[in-house]
Amino acid sequence: MHARSRYALGWLALVSFADAIFFPVAPEVFLVALMLAQPKRWKLYLPIALIASVAGASVGYLIAHALFHEFGEPLLRLYGATRTFRDVQRTMHGHVFFTMFFGNFSPIPDKVLIYAGGFLGVRYWPFIAGYGLGRGARMAIATYFAGRFGAQSLAIFKEYFTYMGVAVVALGIIYAMVHWHLFGI
């Protein structure tokens, strides 16, 4: 796939959409490749990748939600875990926005969080807003580094992304601990 091809935007949208459901390659890799080929088109690349990714997350959520009702509920009843599931669900409902936002910076694949949101039946709008803002921030960081540092950005991103992710997740954990302590949620 050539980054200057007339099909490049379509591929970017497809990769971004599929990543949220099943594709193992993060769309930032393709986004950075496009940025290196044509850096002045970042205002076109970023929204296309983000919109397609959010659409993919919506489809992943709906698939997981539908499959849970079909297969998950009977399994919970079989193992007597319905009450525990409801407790986890109640806990997640109050923190779904931050879970999805910070989850984009964690080493946990976002697909896992998307499926968990659908299985747990968390509220859709906080789910998708947290996912969209977190994914948008992650894509914007990748786009910025590609525009600022060129080909060198891949090495910088690879070297420091884990540290950035750990810092963001640590801030999220601190927030959650303070929030739970103050509000008992």
C-alpha atoms as a PDB file:
ATOM      1  CA  MET A   1       0.000   0.000   0.000  1.00  0.00           C
ATOM      2  CA  HIS A   2       1.516   3.275  -1.086  1.00  0.00           C
ATOM      3  CA  ALA A   3       0.903   6.260   1.204  1.00  0.00           C
ATOM      4  CA  ARG A   4       0.468   8.583  -1.788  1.00  0.00           C
ATOM      5  CA  SER A   5      -2.105   6.348  -3.477  1.00  0.00           C
ATOM      6  CA  ARG A   6      -5.563   7.685  -4.234  1.00  0.00           C
ATOM      7  CA  TYR A   7      -6.880   4.853  -2.064  1.00  0.00           C
ATOM      8  CA  ALA A   8      -4.798   5.826   0.980  1.00  0.00           C
ATOM      9  CA  LEU A   9      -7.663   7.626   2.754  1.00  0.00           C
ATOM     10  CA  GLY A  10      -9.970   4.666   2.209  1.00  0.00           C
ATOM     11  CA  TRP A  11      -7.359   2.325   3.638  1.00  0.00           C
ATOM     12  CA  LEU A  12      -6.854   4.643   6.608  1.00  0.00           C
ATOM     13  CA  ALA A  13     -10.594   4.610   7.312  1.00  0.00           C
ATOM     14  CA  LEU A  14     -10.791   0.828   6.904  1.00  0.00           C
ATOM     15  CA  VAL A  15      -7.793   0.163   9.172  1.00  0.00           C
ATOM     16  CA  SER A  16      -9.121   2.606  11.781  1.00  0.00           C
ATOM     17  CA  PHE A  17     -12.584   1.032  11.716  1.00  0.00           C
ATOM     18  CA  ALA A  18     -11.334  -2.572  11.773  1.00  0.00           C
ATOM     19  CA  ASP A  19      -8.809  -1.910  14.550  1.00  0.00           C
ATOM     20  CA  ALA A  20     -11.579  -1.212  17.037  1.00  0.00           C
ATOM     21  CA  ILE A  21     -13.201  -4.576  16.291  1.00  0.00           C
ATOM     22  CA  PHE A  22     -10.577  -7.142  15.295  1.00  0.00           C
ATOM     23  CA  PHE A  23      -7.567  -5.779  13.405  1.00  0.00           C
ATOM     24  CA  PRO A  24      -4.252  -6.258  15.242  1.00  0.00           C
ATOM     25  CA  VAL A  25      -2.468  -3.157  13.861  1.00  0.00           C
ATOM     26  CA  ALA A  26      -3.165   0.226  15.464  1.00  0.00           C
ATOM     27  CA  PRO A  27      -4.279   2.887  12.969  1.00  0.00           C
ATOM     28  CA  GLU A  28      -1.563   5.220  14.274  1.00  0.00           C
ATOM     29  CA  VAL A  29       0.988   3.161  12.327  1.00  0.00           C
ATOM     30  CA  PHE A  30      -0.820   3.871   9.065  1.00  0.00           C
ATOM     31  CA  LEU A  31      -1.553   7.452  10.125  1.00  0.00           C
ATOM     32  CA  VAL A  32       2.150   8.099  10.739  1.00  0.00           C
ATOM     33  CA  ALA A  33       3.042   6.552   7.358  1.00  0.00           C
ATOM     34  CA  LEU A  34       0.601   8.918   5.652  1.00  0.00           C
ATOM     35  CA  MET A  35       1.974  11.856   7.635  1.00  0.00           C
ATOM     36  CA  LEU A  36       5.508  11.035   6.574  1.00  0.00           C
ATOM     37  CA  ALA A  37       4.428  10.905   2.923  1.00  0.00           C
ATOM     38  CA  GLN A  38       2.282  14.075   2.971  1.00  0.00           C
ATOM     39  CA  PRO A  39       2.608  15.959   6.284  1.00  0.00           C
ATOM     40  CA  LYS A  40       0.509  18.944   5.213  1.00  0.00           C
ATOM     41  CA  ARG A  41      -2.594  16.768   4.906  1.00  0.00           C
ATOM     42  CA  TRP A  42      -2.800  16.035   8.654  1.00  0.00           C
ATOM     43  CA  LYS A  43      -6.073  18.001   8.923  1.00  0.00           C
ATOM     44  CA  LEU A  44      -7.626  15.461   6.580  1.00  0.00           C
ATOM     45  CA  TYR A  45      -6.005  12.313   7.988  1.00  0.00           C
ATOM     46  CA  LEU A  46      -6.763  12.844  11.668  1.00  0.00           C
ATOM     47  CA  PRO A  47     -10.568  13.320  11.439  1.00  0.00           C
ATOM     48  CA  ILE A  48     -10.973  10.437   8.984  1.00  0.00           C
ATOM     49  CA  ALA A  49      -9.022   8.084  11.244  1.00  0.00           C
ATOM     50  CA  LEU A  50     -10.856   9.250  14.363  1.00  0.00           C
ATOM     51  CA  ILE A  51     -14.376   9.084  12.898  1.00  0.00           C
ATOM     52  CA  ALA A  52     -13.740   5.612  11.452  1.00  0.00           C
ATOM     53  CA  SER A  53     -12.249   4.423  14.744  1.00  0.00           C
ATOM     54  CA  VAL A  54     -15.227   5.695  16.761  1.00  0.00           C
ATOM     55  CA  ALA A  55     -17.600   4.051  14.268  1.00  0.00           C
ATOM     56  CA  GLY A  56     -15.670   0.791  14.687  1.00  0.00           C
ATOM     57  CA  ALA A  57     -15.865   1.075  18.475  1.00  0.00           C
ATOM     58  CA  SER A  58     -19.631   1.570  18.199  1.00  0.00           C
ATOM     59  CA  VAL A  59     -19.979  -1.568  16.089  1.00  0.00           C
ATOM     60  CA  GLY A  60     -17.706  -3.523  18.470  1.00  0.00           C
ATOM     61  CA  TYR A  61     -19.809  -2.375  21.430  1.00  0.00           C
ATOM     62  CA  LEU A  62     -23.032  -3.441  19.695  1.00  0.00           C
ATOM     63  CA  ILE A  63     -21.594  -6.832  18.697  1.00  0.00           C
ATOM     64  CA  ALA A  64     -20.389  -7.500  22.247  1.00  0.00           C
ATOM     65  CA  HIS A  65     -23.706  -6.339  23.710  1.00  0.00           C
ATOM     66  CA  ALA A  66     -25.680  -8.626  21.394  1.00  0.00           C
ATOM     67  CA  LEU A  67     -23.393 -11.606  21.992  1.00  0.00           C
ATOM     68  CA  PHE A  68     -23.550 -11.140  25.741  1.00  0.00           C
ATOM     69  CA  HIS A  69     -27.316 -11.395  25.763  1.00  0.00           C
ATOM     70  CA  GLU A  70     -27.133 -14.457  23.550  1.00  0.00           C
ATOM     71  CA  PHE A  71     -24.309 -16.353  25.309  1.00  0.00           C
ATOM     72  CA  GLY A  72     -23.038 -14.467  28.364  1.00  0.00           C
ATOM     73  CA  GLU A  73     -26.184 -14.353  30.463  1.00  0.00           C
ATOM     74  CA  PRO A  74     -26.801 -18.118  30.246  1.00  0.00           C
ATOM     75  CA  LEU A  75     -23.168 -18.762  31.266  1.00  0.00           C
ATOM     76  CA  LEU A  76     -23.448 -16.412  34.236  1.00  0.00           C
ATOM     77  CA  ARG A  77     -26.584 -18.218  35.389  1.00  0.00           C
ATOM     78  CA  LEU A  78     -24.891 -21.596  34.898  1.00  0.00           C
ATOM     79  CA  TYR A  79     -21.933 -20.585  37.096  1.00  0.00           C
ATOM     80  CA  GLY A  80     -24.013 -18.638  39.607  1.00  0.00           C
ATOM     81  CA  ALA A  81     -22.077 -15.450  38.881  1.00  0.00           C
ATOM     82  CA  THR A  82     -24.980 -13.148  38.053  1.00  0.00           C
ATOM     83  CA  ARG A  83     -24.706 -11.185  41.313  1.00  0.00           C
ATOM     84  CA  THR A  84     -20.940 -10.674  40.953  1.00  0.00           C
ATOM     85  CA  PHE A  85     -21.430  -9.556  37.374  1.00  0.00           C
ATOM     86  CA  ARG A  86     -24.029  -6.985  38.476  1.00  0.00           C
ATOM     87  CA  ASP A  87     -21.608  -5.653  41.122  1.00  0.00           C
ATOM     88  CA  VAL A  88     -18.861  -5.213  38.517  1.00  0.00           C
ATOM     89  CA  GLN A  89     -21.367  -3.646  36.140  1.00  0.00           C
ATOM     90  CA  ARG A  90     -22.484  -1.130  38.777  1.00  0.00           C
ATOM     91  CA  THR A  91     -18.872  -0.173  39.503  1.00  0.00           C
ATOM     92  CA  MET A  92     -18.053   0.263  35.814  1.00  0.00           C
ATOM     93  CA  HIS A  93     -21.138   2.367  35.086  1.00  0.00           C
ATOM     94  CA  GLY A  94     -19.889   5.245  37.233  1.00  0.00           C
ATOM     95  CA  HIS A  95     -16.438   5.277  35.657  1.00  0.00           C
ATOM     96  CA  VAL A  96     -16.937   4.253  32.051  1.00  0.00           C
ATOM     97  CA  PHE A  97     -15.835   7.597  30.567  1.00  0.00           C
ATOM     98  CA  PHE A  98     -12.491   7.587  32.388  1.00  0.00           C
ATOM     99  CA  THR A  99     -11.985   3.870  31.829  1.00  0.00           C
ATOM    100  CA  MET A 100     -12.355   4.337  28.092  1.00  0.00           C
ATOM    101  CA  PHE A 101     -10.318   7.545  27.980  1.00  0.00           C
ATOM    102  CA  PHE A 102      -7.354   6.249  29.976  1.00  0.00           C
ATOM    103  CA  GLY A 103      -7.660   2.790  28.449  1.00  0.00           C
ATOM    104  CA  ASN A 104      -6.471   4.241  25.145  1.00  0.00           C
ATOM    105  CA  PHE A 105      -3.111   4.897  26.789  1.00  0.00           C
ATOM    106  CA  SER A 106      -2.792   1.582  28.583  1.00  0.00           C
ATOM    107  CA  PRO A 107      -1.126  -1.569  27.272  1.00  0.00           C
ATOM    108  CA  ILE A 108      -4.577  -3.223  27.283  1.00  0.00           C
ATOM    109  CA  PRO A 109      -5.801  -3.469  23.686  1.00  0.00           C
ATOM    110  CA  ASP A 110      -8.732  -1.125  23.183  1.00  0.00           C
ATOM    111  CA  LYS A 111     -10.729  -3.999  21.692  1.00  0.00           C
ATOM    112  CA  VAL A 112     -10.793  -5.607  25.135  1.00  0.00           C
ATOM    113  CA  LEU A 113     -12.265  -2.450  26.663  1.00  0.00           C
ATOM    114  CA  ILE A 114     -14.740  -2.066  23.805  1.00  0.00           C
ATOM    115  CA  TYR A 115     -15.962  -5.646  24.211  1.00  0.00           C
ATOM    116  CA  ALA A 116     -16.084  -5.287  27.995  1.00  0.00           C
ATOM    117  CA  GLY A 117     -18.224  -2.159  27.626  1.00  0.00           C
ATOM    118  CA  GLY A 118     -20.651  -4.028  25.379  1.00  0.00           C
ATOM    119  CA  PHE A 119     -20.728  -7.124  27.607  1.00  0.00           C
ATOM    120  CA  LEU A 120     -21.331  -5.028  30.707  1.00  0.00           C
ATOM    121  CA  GLY A 121     -23.956  -2.909  28.962  1.00  0.00           C
ATOM    122  CA  VAL A 122     -22.365   0.333  30.133  1.00  0.00           C
ATOM    123  CA  ARG A 123     -24.032   3.579  29.100  1.00  0.00           C
ATOM    124  CA  TYR A 124     -23.217   4.173  25.465  1.00  0.00           C
ATOM    125  CA  TRP A 125     -22.639   7.957  25.388  1.00  0.00           C
ATOM    126  CA  PRO A 126     -20.046   8.141  28.180  1.00  0.00           C
ATOM    127  CA  PHE A 127     -18.461   5.005  26.696  1.00  0.00           C
ATOM    128  CA  ILE A 128     -18.126   6.423  23.191  1.00  0.00           C
ATOM    129  CA  ALA A 129     -17.180   9.937  24.396  1.00  0.00           C
ATOM    130  CA  GLY A 130     -14.377   8.551  26.575  1.00  0.00           C
ATOM    131  CA  TYR A 131     -13.193   6.303  23.770  1.00  0.00           C
ATOM    132  CA  GLY A 132     -13.351   9.066  21.157  1.00  0.00           C
ATOM    133  CA  LEU A 133     -11.519  11.642  23.268  1.00  0.00           C
ATOM    134  CA  GLY A 134      -8.869   9.149  24.368  1.00  0.00           C
ATOM    135  CA  ARG A 135      -8.351   7.781  20.867  1.00  0.00           C
ATOM    136  CA  GLY A 136      -8.374  11.310  19.445  1.00  0.00           C
ATOM    137  CA  ALA A 137      -5.686  12.375  21.916  1.00  0.00           C
ATOM    138  CA  ARG A 138      -3.604   9.314  21.077  1.00  0.00           C
ATOM    139  CA  MET A 139      -3.938   9.902  17.322  1.00  0.00           C
ATOM    140  CA  ALA A 140      -3.219  13.615  17.727  1.00  0.00           C
ATOM    141  CA  ILE A 141      -0.020  12.809  19.637  1.00  0.00           C
ATOM    142  CA  ALA A 142       1.075  10.408  16.889  1.00  0.00           C
ATOM    143  CA  THR A 143       0.211  12.981  14.206  1.00  0.00           C
ATOM    144  CA  TYR A 144       2.068  15.742  16.048  1.00  0.00           C
ATOM    145  CA  PHE A 145       5.210  13.659  16.463  1.00  0.00           C
ATOM    146  CA  ALA A 146       5.130  12.560  12.821  1.00  0.00           C
ATOM    147  CA  GLY A 147       4.776  16.177  11.677  1.00  0.00           C
ATOM    148  CA  ARG A 148       7.361  17.542  14.099  1.00  0.00           C
ATOM    149  CA  PHE A 149      10.060  14.860  13.943  1.00  0.00           C
ATOM    150  CA  GLY A 150       9.426  13.118  10.620  1.00  0.00           C
ATOM    151  CA  ALA A 151      10.734   9.563  10.234  1.00  0.00           C
ATOM    152  CA  GLN A 152      12.476   9.863  13.590  1.00  0.00           C
ATOM    153  CA  SER A 153       9.024   9.988  15.231  1.00  0.00           C
ATOM    154  CA  LEU A 154       8.570   6.232  14.913  1.00  0.00           C
ATOM    155  CA  ALA A 155      11.615   5.595  17.081  1.00  0.00           C
ATOM    156  CA  ILE A 156      10.534   8.267  19.600  1.00  0.00           C
ATOM    157  CA  PHE A 157       7.002   6.906  19.751  1.00  0.00           C
ATOM    158  CA  LYS A 158       8.218   3.328  20.148  1.00  0.00           C
ATOM    159  CA  GLU A 159      10.666   4.272  22.902  1.00  0.00           C
ATOM    160  CA  TYR A 160       8.452   6.559  24.992  1.00  0.00           C
ATOM    161  CA  PHE A 161       4.879   5.423  24.374  1.00  0.00           C
ATOM    162  CA  THR A 162       4.991   2.846  27.163  1.00  0.00           C
ATOM    163  CA  TYR A 163       6.241   5.462  29.630  1.00  0.00           C
ATOM    164  CA  MET A 164       3.576   7.940  28.542  1.00  0.00           C
ATOM    165  CA  GLY A 165       0.934   5.246  28.801  1.00  0.00           C
ATOM    166  CA  VAL A 166       2.039   4.250  32.295  1.00  0.00           C
ATOM    167  CA  ALA A 167       1.990   7.908  33.398  1.00  0.00           C
ATOM    168  CA  VAL A 168      -1.511   8.470  32.030  1.00  0.00           C
ATOM    169  CA  VAL A 169      -2.803   5.241  33.584  1.00  0.00           C
ATOM    170  CA  ALA A 170      -1.166   6.170  36.907  1.00  0.00           C
ATOM    171  CA  LEU A 171      -2.959   9.524  36.825  1.00  0.00           C
ATOM    172  CA  GLY A 172      -6.198   7.696  36.110  1.00  0.00           C
ATOM    173  CA  ILE A 173      -5.643   5.357  39.052  1.00  0.00           C
ATOM    174  CA  ILE A 174      -4.891   8.286  41.345  1.00  0.00           C
ATOM    175  CA  TYR A 175      -8.051  10.020  40.150  1.00  0.00           C
ATOM    176  CA  ALA A 176     -10.096   6.865  40.744  1.00  0.00           C
ATOM    177  CA  MET A 177      -8.678   6.356  44.229  1.00  0.00           C
ATOM    178  CA  VAL A 178      -9.419   9.952  45.219  1.00  0.00           C
ATOM    179  CA  HIS A 179     -12.863   9.803  43.638  1.00  0.00           C
ATOM    180  CA  TRP A 180     -13.757   6.534  45.376  1.00  0.00           C
ATOM    181  CA  HIS A 181     -12.399   7.797  48.683  1.00  0.00           C
ATOM    182  CA  LEU A 182     -14.282  11.094  48.538  1.00  0.00           C
ATOM    183  CA  PHE A 183     -17.527   9.896  47.004  1.00  0.00           C
ATOM    184  CA  GLY A 184     -17.557   6.220  47.960  1.00  0.00           C
ATOM    185  CA  ILE A 185     -18.230   5.154  44.382  1.00  0.00           C
END
